C-alpha atoms as a PDB file:
ATOM      1  CA  MET A   1     -10.963   1.866  -6.315  1.00  0.00           C
ATOM      2  CA  ARG A   2      -8.936   3.948  -8.985  1.00  0.00           C
ATOM      3  CA  ASN A   3      -5.456   2.409  -6.886  1.00  0.00           C
ATOM      4  CA  THR A   4      -6.740  -0.987  -7.052  1.00  0.00           C
ATOM      5  CA  ARG A   5      -7.236  -1.055 -11.161  1.00  0.00           C
ATOM      6  CA  VAL A   6      -3.446   0.892 -11.814  1.00  0.00           C
ATOM      7  CA  GLY A   7      -2.208  -2.235  -9.298  1.00  0.00           C
ATOM      8  CA  ALA A   8      -3.412  -4.383 -11.007  1.00  0.00           C
ATOM      9  CA  GLY A   9      -2.717  -3.511 -14.117  1.00  0.00           C
ATOM     10  CA  ILE A  10       1.204  -3.183 -13.104  1.00  0.00           C
ATOM     11  CA  GLY A  11       1.142  -6.720 -11.621  1.00  0.00           C
ATOM     12  CA  ILE A  12      -0.385  -7.779 -15.316  1.00  0.00           C
ATOM     13  CA  GLY A  13       2.343  -5.927 -16.608  1.00  0.00           C
ATOM     14  CA  LEU A  14       5.168  -7.080 -14.873  1.00  0.00           C
ATOM     15  CA  VAL A  15       3.987 -10.874 -15.031  1.00  0.00           C
ATOM     16  CA  ILE A  16       4.001 -10.577 -19.075  1.00  0.00           C
ATOM     17  CA  GLY A  17       7.212  -8.705 -18.198  1.00  0.00           C
ATOM     18  CA  ALA A  18       8.892 -11.820 -16.718  1.00  0.00           C
ATOM     19  CA  LEU A  19       6.812 -14.771 -19.198  1.00  0.00           C
ATOM     20  CA  GLY A  20       8.968 -12.224 -22.582  1.00  0.00           C
ATOM     21  CA  LEU A  21      12.259 -12.341 -20.481  1.00  0.00           C
ATOM     22  CA  SER A  22      12.123 -16.041 -19.970  1.00  0.00           C
ATOM     23  CA  ALA A  23      11.064 -17.028 -23.536  1.00  0.00           C
ATOM     24  CA  PRO A  24      14.089 -16.542 -25.428  1.00  0.00           C
ATOM     25  CA  ALA A  25      16.380 -18.602 -22.338  1.00  0.00           C
ATOM     26  CA  ALA A  26      13.754 -20.908 -22.963  1.00  0.00           C
ATOM     27  CA  VAL A  27      14.606 -21.286 -26.525  1.00  0.00           C
ATOM     28  CA  ALA A  28      18.340 -21.235 -26.128  1.00  0.00           C
ATOM     29  CA  VAL A  29      17.823 -24.121 -23.531  1.00  0.00           C
ATOM     30  CA  GLY A  30      15.734 -26.433 -26.191  1.00  0.00           C
ATOM     31  CA  SER A  31      18.319 -25.907 -29.153  1.00  0.00           C
ATOM     32  CA  PRO A  32      20.482 -28.833 -30.444  1.00  0.00           C
ATOM     33  CA  ALA A  33      24.257 -29.056 -29.108  1.00  0.00           C
ATOM     34  CA  SER A  34      27.050 -29.568 -31.944  1.00  0.00           C
ATOM     35  CA  ASP A  35      27.021 -32.933 -33.224  1.00  0.00           C
ATOM     36  CA  SER A  36      30.305 -33.226 -34.158  1.00  0.00           C
ATOM     37  CA  GLY A  37      31.694 -33.902 -30.469  1.00  0.00           C
ATOM     38  CA  ILE A  38      34.353 -30.616 -30.659  1.00  0.00           C
ATOM     39  CA  HIS A  39      33.507 -27.076 -28.666  1.00  0.00           C
ATOM     40  CA  ILE A  40      35.482 -24.586 -30.231  1.00  0.00           C
ATOM     41  CA  ARG A  41      35.693 -21.384 -28.077  1.00  0.00           C
ATOM     42  CA  SER A  42      35.810 -18.612 -29.454  1.00  0.00           C
ATOM     43  CA  GLY A  43      33.927 -19.397 -32.703  1.00  0.00           C
ATOM     44  CA  ASN A  44      35.127 -16.275 -34.448  1.00  0.00           C
ATOM     45  CA  GLY A  45      38.692 -15.631 -34.354  1.00  0.00           C
ATOM     46  CA  SER A  46      41.119 -12.974 -35.267  1.00  0.00           C
ATOM     47  CA  PRO A  47      44.948 -13.352 -35.926  1.00  0.00           C
ATOM     48  CA  GLY A  48      46.778 -13.580 -33.188  1.00  0.00           C
ATOM     49  CA  SER A  49      43.873 -14.521 -30.399  1.00  0.00           C
ATOM     50  CA  THR A  50      43.723 -17.948 -28.697  1.00  0.00           C
ATOM     51  CA  VAL A  51      41.391 -20.841 -29.432  1.00  0.00           C
ATOM     52  CA  THR A  52      40.468 -23.486 -27.096  1.00  0.00           C
ATOM     53  CA  VAL A  53      39.067 -26.357 -28.433  1.00  0.00           C
ATOM     54  CA  SER A  54      37.653 -29.258 -26.079  1.00  0.00           C
ATOM     55  CA  THR A  55      36.322 -32.819 -26.112  1.00  0.00           C
ATOM     56  CA  ARG A  56      34.295 -35.121 -24.082  1.00  0.00           C
ATOM     57  CA  ALA A  57      34.203 -37.493 -27.248  1.00  0.00           C
ATOM     58  CA  CYS A  58      37.610 -39.212 -26.541  1.00  0.00           C
ATOM     59  CA  GLY A  59      35.585 -40.752 -23.014  1.00  0.00           C
ATOM     60  CA  SER A  60      38.601 -41.935 -20.516  1.00  0.00           C
ATOM     61  CA  GLU A  61      41.727 -40.614 -22.741  1.00  0.00           C
ATOM     62  CA  THR A  62      43.809 -38.177 -21.178  1.00  0.00           C
ATOM     63  CA  TYR A  63      45.730 -37.329 -24.277  1.00  0.00           C
ATOM     64  CA  GLY A  64      44.492 -36.159 -27.930  1.00  0.00           C
ATOM     65  CA  LYS A  65      46.096 -34.700 -31.064  1.00  0.00           C
ATOM     66  CA  GLY A  66      44.560 -31.474 -32.697  1.00  0.00           C
ATOM     67  CA  THR A  67      45.487 -30.096 -36.268  1.00  0.00           C
ATOM     68  CA  SER A  68      44.172 -26.519 -37.279  1.00  0.00           C
ATOM     69  CA  GLU A  69      44.536 -25.626 -40.854  1.00  0.00           C
ATOM     70  CA  ALA A  70      46.008 -22.378 -39.712  1.00  0.00           C
ATOM     71  CA  ALA A  71      48.007 -22.513 -36.927  1.00  0.00           C
ATOM     72  CA  GLY A  72      48.847 -26.648 -37.550  1.00  0.00           C
ATOM     73  CA  ALA A  73      49.230 -29.015 -34.714  1.00  0.00           C
ATOM     74  CA  PHE A  74      48.311 -28.793 -31.375  1.00  0.00           C
ATOM     75  CA  HIS A  75      47.932 -31.135 -28.531  1.00  0.00           C
ATOM     76  CA  LEU A  76      44.776 -31.671 -26.368  1.00  0.00           C
ATOM     77  CA  PHE A  77      45.063 -32.890 -22.285  1.00  0.00           C
ATOM     78  CA  ALA A  78      42.868 -33.593 -19.417  1.00  0.00           C
ATOM     79  CA  GLY A  79      41.080 -30.531 -18.535  1.00  0.00           C
ATOM     80  CA  ASP A  80      38.918 -29.512 -14.922  1.00  0.00           C
ATOM     81  CA  ARG A  81      36.067 -31.763 -15.816  1.00  0.00           C
ATOM     82  CA  LYS A  82      36.461 -35.382 -15.791  1.00  0.00           C
ATOM     83  CA  GLY A  83      36.608 -36.948 -19.471  1.00  0.00           C
ATOM     84  CA  GLU A  84      37.228 -33.540 -20.890  1.00  0.00           C
ATOM     85  CA  LEU A  85      40.143 -32.762 -23.397  1.00  0.00           C
ATOM     86  CA  VAL A  86      41.293 -29.137 -23.619  1.00  0.00           C
ATOM     87  CA  GLY A  87      43.620 -27.754 -26.236  1.00  0.00           C
ATOM     88  CA  THR A  88      44.840 -24.654 -27.242  1.00  0.00           C
ATOM     89  CA  PHE A  89      46.276 -22.562 -30.263  1.00  0.00           C
ATOM     90  CA  GLU A  90      47.037 -19.467 -31.399  1.00  0.00           C
ATOM     91  CA  ILE A  91      45.349 -18.045 -34.883  1.00  0.00           C
ATOM     92  CA  PRO A  92      48.677 -17.007 -37.021  1.00  0.00           C
ATOM     93  CA  GLU A  93      48.826 -13.242 -37.439  1.00  0.00           C
ATOM     94  CA  GLY A  94      49.260 -13.889 -41.386  1.00  0.00           C
ATOM     95  CA  ALA A  95      45.836 -16.053 -41.248  1.00  0.00           C
ATOM     96  CA  GLU A  96      43.674 -14.941 -43.807  1.00  0.00           C
ATOM     97  CA  PRO A  97      39.667 -14.906 -42.881  1.00  0.00           C
ATOM     98  CA  GLY A  98      37.279 -17.508 -43.946  1.00  0.00           C
ATOM     99  CA  VAL A  99      36.044 -20.891 -42.159  1.00  0.00           C
ATOM    100  CA  GLU A 100      38.829 -22.708 -40.300  1.00  0.00           C
ATOM    101  CA  THR A 101      38.980 -26.879 -40.074  1.00  0.00           C
ATOM    102  CA  VAL A 102      39.847 -28.240 -36.709  1.00  0.00           C
ATOM    103  CA  ILE A 103      40.572 -31.790 -36.559  1.00  0.00           C
ATOM    104  CA  VAL A 104      40.854 -33.605 -33.259  1.00  0.00           C
ATOM    105  CA  LYS A 105      42.169 -37.473 -32.762  1.00  0.00           C
ATOM    106  CA  CYS A 106      41.981 -39.447 -29.819  1.00  0.00           C
ATOM    107  CA  PRO A 107      43.154 -43.345 -29.233  1.00  0.00           C
ATOM    108  CA  PRO A 108      42.226 -45.828 -30.580  1.00  0.00           C
ATOM    109  CA  ARG A 109      40.009 -44.337 -33.617  1.00  0.00           C
ATOM    110  CA  ILE A 110      38.614 -41.404 -32.951  1.00  0.00           C
ATOM    111  CA  LYS A 111      38.109 -38.623 -35.029  1.00  0.00           C
ATOM    112  CA  MET A 112      36.303 -35.373 -35.259  1.00  0.00           C
ATOM    113  CA  THR A 113      35.672 -32.382 -37.454  1.00  0.00           C
ATOM    114  CA  ASP A 114      34.355 -29.055 -36.587  1.00  0.00           C
ATOM    115  CA  THR A 115      34.764 -25.144 -38.202  1.00  0.00           C
ATOM    116  CA  TYR A 116      35.027 -21.801 -36.887  1.00  0.00           C
ATOM    117  CA  LYS A 117      35.508 -18.530 -38.265  1.00  0.00           C
ATOM    118  CA  ILE A 118      38.620 -16.439 -38.498  1.00  0.00           C
ATOM    119  CA  THR A 119      37.663 -12.754 -39.179  1.00  0.00           C
ATOM    120  CA  ASP A 120      39.982 -10.041 -40.691  1.00  0.00           C
ATOM    121  CA  ARG A 121      40.144  -7.744 -37.577  1.00  0.00           C
ATOM    122  CA  VAL A 122      39.824  -7.798 -33.399  1.00  0.00           C
ATOM    123  CA  PRO A 123      36.318  -6.816 -32.349  1.00  0.00           C
ATOM    124  CA  THR A 124      35.533  -3.530 -31.010  1.00  0.00           C
ATOM    125  CA  GLY A 125      32.641  -1.888 -29.012  1.00  0.00           C
ATOM    126  CA  ALA A 126      30.602  -3.144 -26.016  1.00  0.00           C
ATOM    127  CA  VAL A 127      28.836  -6.277 -25.544  1.00  0.00           C
ATOM    128  CA  ASP A 128      24.905  -5.520 -26.257  1.00  0.00           C
ATOM    129  CA  ALA A 129      23.382  -5.861 -22.511  1.00  0.00           C
ATOM    130  CA  GLY A 130      20.212  -6.538 -24.156  1.00  0.00           C
ATOM    131  CA  PHE A 131      18.625 -10.449 -24.279  1.00  0.00           C
ATOM    132  CA  GLY A 132      17.040 -12.203 -26.683  1.00  0.00           C
ATOM    133  CA  ALA A 133      17.867 -12.272 -30.851  1.00  0.00           C
ATOM    134  CA  THR A 134      20.343  -9.449 -31.999  1.00  0.00           C
ATOM    135  CA  SER A 135      17.646  -9.028 -35.034  1.00  0.00           C
ATOM    136  CA  ASP A 136      14.468  -9.104 -32.832  1.00  0.00           C
ATOM    137  CA  LYS A 137      15.000  -5.457 -31.539  1.00  0.00           C
ATOM    138  CA  GLY A 138      11.109  -4.565 -31.403  1.00  0.00           C
ATOM    139  CA  THR A 139      10.510  -7.165 -28.719  1.00  0.00           C
ATOM    140  CA  GLN A 140      13.196  -5.988 -26.665  1.00  0.00           C
ATOM    141  CA  LEU A 141      11.814  -2.716 -27.271  1.00  0.00           C
ATOM    142  CA  ALA A 142       8.521  -3.513 -26.517  1.00  0.00           C
ATOM    143  CA  VAL A 143       9.221  -5.721 -23.105  1.00  0.00           C
ATOM    144  CA  GLY A 144      11.530  -2.555 -21.955  1.00  0.00           C
ATOM    145  CA  GLY A 145       8.429   0.014 -22.326  1.00  0.00           C
ATOM    146  CA  VAL A 146       6.136  -2.661 -20.396  1.00  0.00           C
ATOM    147  CA  LEU A 147       9.145  -2.981 -17.514  1.00  0.00           C
ATOM    148  CA  ILE A 148       9.926   0.756 -18.102  1.00  0.00           C
ATOM    149  CA  ILE A 149       6.112   2.047 -17.704  1.00  0.00           C
ATOM    150  CA  GLY A 150       5.250  -0.750 -15.285  1.00  0.00           C
ATOM    151  CA  ALA A 151       7.671   0.561 -12.693  1.00  0.00           C
ATOM    152  CA  ALA A 152       7.055   4.226 -12.942  1.00  0.00           C
ATOM    153  CA  ALA A 153       3.293   3.379 -12.556  1.00  0.00           C
ATOM    154  CA  GLY A 154       4.619   2.094  -9.285  1.00  0.00           C
ATOM    155  CA  GLY A 155       6.278   5.497  -8.364  1.00  0.00           C
ATOM    156  CA  VAL A 156       3.175   7.761  -9.342  1.00  0.00           C
ATOM    157  CA  ILE A 157       0.874   5.499  -7.063  1.00  0.00           C
ATOM    158  CA  ARG A 158       3.836   5.604  -4.158  1.00  0.00           C
ATOM    159  CA  VAL A 159       3.929   9.727  -4.257  1.00  0.00           C
ATOM    160  CA  ARG A 160       0.198   9.557  -4.364  1.00  0.00           C
ATOM    161  CA  ARG A 161      -0.165   7.487  -1.123  1.00  0.00           C
ATOM    162  CA  ARG A 162       2.181   9.452   0.394  1.00  0.00           C
ATOM    163  CA  MET A 163       0.425  12.704  -0.561  1.00  0.00           C
ATOM    164  CA  SER A 164      -2.618  11.232   1.075  1.00  0.00           C
ATOM    165  CA  GLY A 165      -1.141   9.996   4.083  1.00  0.00           C
ATOM    166  CA  ILE A 166      -1.483   6.218   3.419  1.00  0.00           C
ATOM    167  CA  ARG A 167       1.592   4.600   4.643  1.00  0.00           C
ATOM    168  CA  THR A 168       3.112   1.684   2.679  1.00  0.00           C
END
């Protein structure tokens, strides 16, 4: 009887853990997309790094022109996806840290503007392998703890069953 209650507790813990893991993803999916029509990767670049600019706002056009305040003019050509234009440029070594403006134009009269940030150094270190917002460490630790306790409890039940001769 006791093992049944422990098993039910583990099941509930796993369900709560699964719901906690899926909540940040649901929030991310529901967030509004950029309304500028331009997608800039990476949103933060350092001098010497390459920035990729793409857009689907030019319709059936196969060419566009872009301008970066720091790097100057660049061209956008047809990308891998239908209706997408893609261009790249390199942030000059002497670029000052701050917010950078990118302008994209495509025929006949489409003009879009967006910004990204130039940082003063190349990022170092490992990627945080957690989930959710980086400022929400408490929730991450709580959900992780619940999952670890559930896994440990499952191991204890398995050991007790083996010791009592019950096969799983």
